[in-house]
Amino acid sequence: MDREIVVIAHNIRSAHNIGSLLRTCDAMGVKEVILSGYTPYPKARHDDRLPHIADKVNGQIVKTALGAEKSQSWRHAPVIGEVLEKASKDGYTLCSLEQSKGSIALDKFKPPKKAALILGNEVAGLEKAVLDKSDYIVEIPMLGQKESLNVIQAAAIALYAFRFN
């Protein structure tokens, strides 16, 4: 099924994870990646970061993005509330990927035509305020002893399900 998907990555710490996310999103035909909060982002045309900081972060992202920082549409938007509000106004259904009471197992979830997949911090996950604004909270059922995956591995699984379910 043809869906329009955007990814919102909020407060993800690792620049290497962001490079990998951009590459994964490019592979899955994601319309746009929005990097919010303190999530690192590639060097931008009108970058307001100090040049040495922008260069360092960009180098880490490029290492795992392998060119996807140029081929995948992305933007930096520091305030998550504004990002969620705009996505909702633009007709996207807000779908947070998080283990939470009342979440829907990814294999039981029917993705909407226009979906915003929201990803959170590698350790702490998504904040309650973000979850409260979400239309759905979906989670990947864990079958082993570990209760979580790397955020980009989880994103890849979710994006595949959103694209092909």
Protein backbone atom coordinates (compact mmCIF):
# COMPACT_ATOMS: atom_id res chain seq x y z
CA MET A 1 0.00 0.00 0.00
CA ASP A 2 1.26 3.46 -0.83
CA ARG A 3 1.60 5.59 2.29
CA GLU A 4 3.08 8.98 3.01
CA ILE A 5 5.41 8.67 5.99
CA VAL A 6 7.40 11.25 7.89
CA VAL A 7 9.70 10.42 10.79
CA ILE A 8 10.11 12.65 13.81
CA ALA A 9 13.27 11.86 15.79
CA HIS A 10 13.13 13.59 19.16
CA ASN A 11 16.02 13.91 21.62
CA ILE A 12 18.12 11.15 20.10
CA ARG A 13 21.68 11.52 21.40
CA SER A 14 23.83 9.64 18.90
CA ALA A 15 24.95 11.27 15.66
CA HIS A 16 25.78 7.79 14.36
CA ASN A 17 22.18 6.74 15.01
CA ILE A 18 20.97 9.78 13.04
CA GLY A 19 23.17 8.89 10.08
CA SER A 20 21.78 5.37 10.16
CA LEU A 21 18.24 6.73 10.50
CA LEU A 22 18.64 8.94 7.42
CA ARG A 23 19.92 5.95 5.45
CA THR A 24 17.08 3.73 6.65
CA CYS A 25 14.45 6.39 5.89
CA ASP A 26 15.86 6.87 2.40
CA ALA A 27 15.61 3.10 1.82
CA MET A 28 11.98 3.06 3.03
CA GLY A 29 10.82 6.03 0.94
CA VAL A 30 10.18 8.37 3.87
CA LYS A 31 8.99 11.79 2.72
CA GLU A 32 10.87 13.76 5.40
CA VAL A 33 12.82 13.28 8.61
CA ILE A 34 12.33 15.93 11.27
CA LEU A 35 15.10 16.13 13.86
CA SER A 36 13.78 17.76 17.03
CA GLY A 37 14.99 18.66 20.49
CA TYR A 38 18.70 18.07 20.97
CA THR A 39 18.89 15.48 18.20
CA PRO A 40 22.08 16.08 16.16
CA TYR A 41 21.62 17.08 12.55
CA PRO A 42 23.78 17.34 9.43
CA LYS A 43 25.37 20.58 8.40
CA ALA A 44 22.75 22.97 7.06
CA ARG A 45 22.99 25.89 4.64
CA HIS A 46 22.24 28.54 7.27
CA ASP A 47 23.65 26.64 10.24
CA ASP A 48 23.68 28.65 13.46
CA ARG A 49 25.99 26.23 15.29
CA LEU A 50 29.65 27.06 15.79
CA PRO A 51 31.49 25.80 12.67
CA HIS A 52 33.72 23.33 14.52
CA ILE A 53 30.69 21.79 16.27
CA ALA A 54 28.66 21.56 13.05
CA ASP A 55 31.66 19.97 11.29
CA LYS A 56 32.22 17.41 14.06
CA VAL A 57 28.57 16.36 14.24
CA ASN A 58 28.25 16.30 10.45
CA GLY A 59 31.31 14.03 10.18
CA GLN A 60 29.75 11.53 12.60
CA ILE A 61 26.43 11.55 10.75
CA VAL A 62 28.04 11.21 7.32
CA LYS A 63 30.01 8.16 8.52
CA THR A 64 26.83 6.08 8.83
CA ALA A 65 24.50 7.94 6.44
CA LEU A 66 26.69 7.11 3.44
CA GLY A 67 25.21 9.94 1.38
CA ALA A 68 21.65 9.73 2.70
CA GLU A 69 22.16 13.09 4.43
CA LYS A 70 21.97 14.49 0.88
CA SER A 71 19.35 12.20 -0.67
CA GLN A 72 16.88 12.05 2.22
CA SER A 73 14.81 15.17 2.89
CA TRP A 74 15.32 16.32 6.47
CA ARG A 75 15.01 19.41 8.62
CA HIS A 76 15.88 20.49 12.13
CA ALA A 77 13.05 21.81 14.30
CA PRO A 78 14.02 22.25 17.95
CA VAL A 79 10.52 22.42 19.52
CA ILE A 80 8.65 19.10 19.42
CA GLY A 81 5.26 20.62 20.25
CA GLU A 82 5.37 22.79 17.12
CA VAL A 83 6.45 19.80 15.02
CA LEU A 84 3.57 17.65 16.27
CA GLU A 85 1.05 20.44 15.80
CA LYS A 86 2.16 21.08 12.20
CA ALA A 87 2.22 17.37 11.33
CA SER A 88 -1.29 16.99 12.71
CA LYS A 89 -2.54 20.05 10.79
CA ASP A 90 -0.95 18.61 7.64
CA GLY A 91 -3.11 15.50 8.04
CA TYR A 92 -0.58 13.10 9.54
CA THR A 93 -1.64 10.59 12.16
CA LEU A 94 0.84 10.80 15.04
CA CYS A 95 2.21 7.33 15.84
CA SER A 96 4.72 7.07 18.68
CA LEU A 97 6.98 4.02 18.80
CA GLU A 98 7.20 3.23 22.51
CA GLN A 99 6.58 0.50 25.04
CA SER A 100 3.67 1.83 27.03
CA LYS A 101 0.54 0.73 28.81
CA GLY A 102 -2.19 0.63 26.21
CA SER A 103 0.18 0.49 23.24
CA ILE A 104 -0.77 -1.52 20.16
CA ALA A 105 1.49 -4.35 19.00
CA LEU A 106 3.02 -3.40 15.67
CA ASP A 107 1.82 -6.62 14.03
CA LYS A 108 -1.79 -5.76 15.01
CA PHE A 109 -1.59 -2.13 13.88
CA LYS A 110 -3.04 -0.95 10.56
CA PRO A 111 -0.93 2.06 9.55
CA PRO A 112 -2.82 5.13 8.29
CA LYS A 113 -2.39 6.60 4.79
CA LYS A 114 -0.44 9.58 6.21
CA ALA A 115 1.67 8.61 9.20
CA ALA A 116 4.18 10.46 11.35
CA LEU A 117 6.37 7.91 13.12
CA ILE A 118 7.77 9.44 16.30
CA LEU A 119 11.00 8.08 17.77
CA GLY A 120 12.49 8.99 21.13
CA ASN A 121 15.62 8.97 23.22
CA GLU A 122 17.70 5.78 23.13
CA VAL A 123 17.44 5.24 26.90
CA ALA A 124 14.47 7.23 28.24
CA GLY A 125 12.14 6.89 25.25
CA LEU A 126 9.47 9.48 24.54
CA GLU A 127 8.23 11.97 27.08
CA LYS A 128 4.71 11.66 28.47
CA ALA A 129 3.75 14.97 26.84
CA VAL A 130 4.61 13.54 23.40
CA LEU A 131 2.77 10.30 24.11
CA ASP A 132 -0.28 12.28 25.25
CA LYS A 133 -0.38 14.11 21.89
CA SER A 134 -0.04 10.89 19.90
CA ASP A 135 -2.99 9.39 18.07
CA TYR A 136 -1.49 5.91 18.55
CA ILE A 137 1.31 4.35 20.54
CA VAL A 138 2.73 1.26 18.85
CA GLU A 139 5.34 -1.15 20.10
CA ILE A 140 7.38 -4.01 18.74
CA PRO A 141 6.62 -7.17 20.73
CA MET A 142 9.79 -8.50 22.41
CA LEU A 143 10.14 -12.28 22.49
CA GLY A 144 13.51 -12.69 24.21
CA GLN A 145 14.93 -11.64 27.54
CA LYS A 146 15.89 -8.15 26.40
CA GLU A 147 13.07 -5.61 26.43
CA SER A 148 14.34 -3.16 23.85
CA LEU A 149 16.17 -2.62 20.58
CA ASN A 150 18.47 0.08 19.33
CA VAL A 151 16.26 3.01 18.26
CA ILE A 152 17.30 2.66 14.61
CA GLN A 153 16.71 -1.08 14.53
CA ALA A 154 13.26 -0.42 15.99
CA ALA A 155 12.66 2.36 13.45
CA ALA A 156 13.60 0.04 10.58
CA ILE A 157 11.16 -2.63 11.75
CA ALA A 158 8.38 -0.08 12.24
CA LEU A 159 9.01 1.62 8.89
CA TYR A 160 8.88 -1.70 7.10
CA ALA A 161 5.55 -2.49 8.78
CA PHE A 162 4.21 1.00 8.03
CA ARG A 163 5.25 0.70 4.38
CA PHE A 164 4.09 -2.84 3.65
CA ASN A 165 1.27 -3.74 6.10
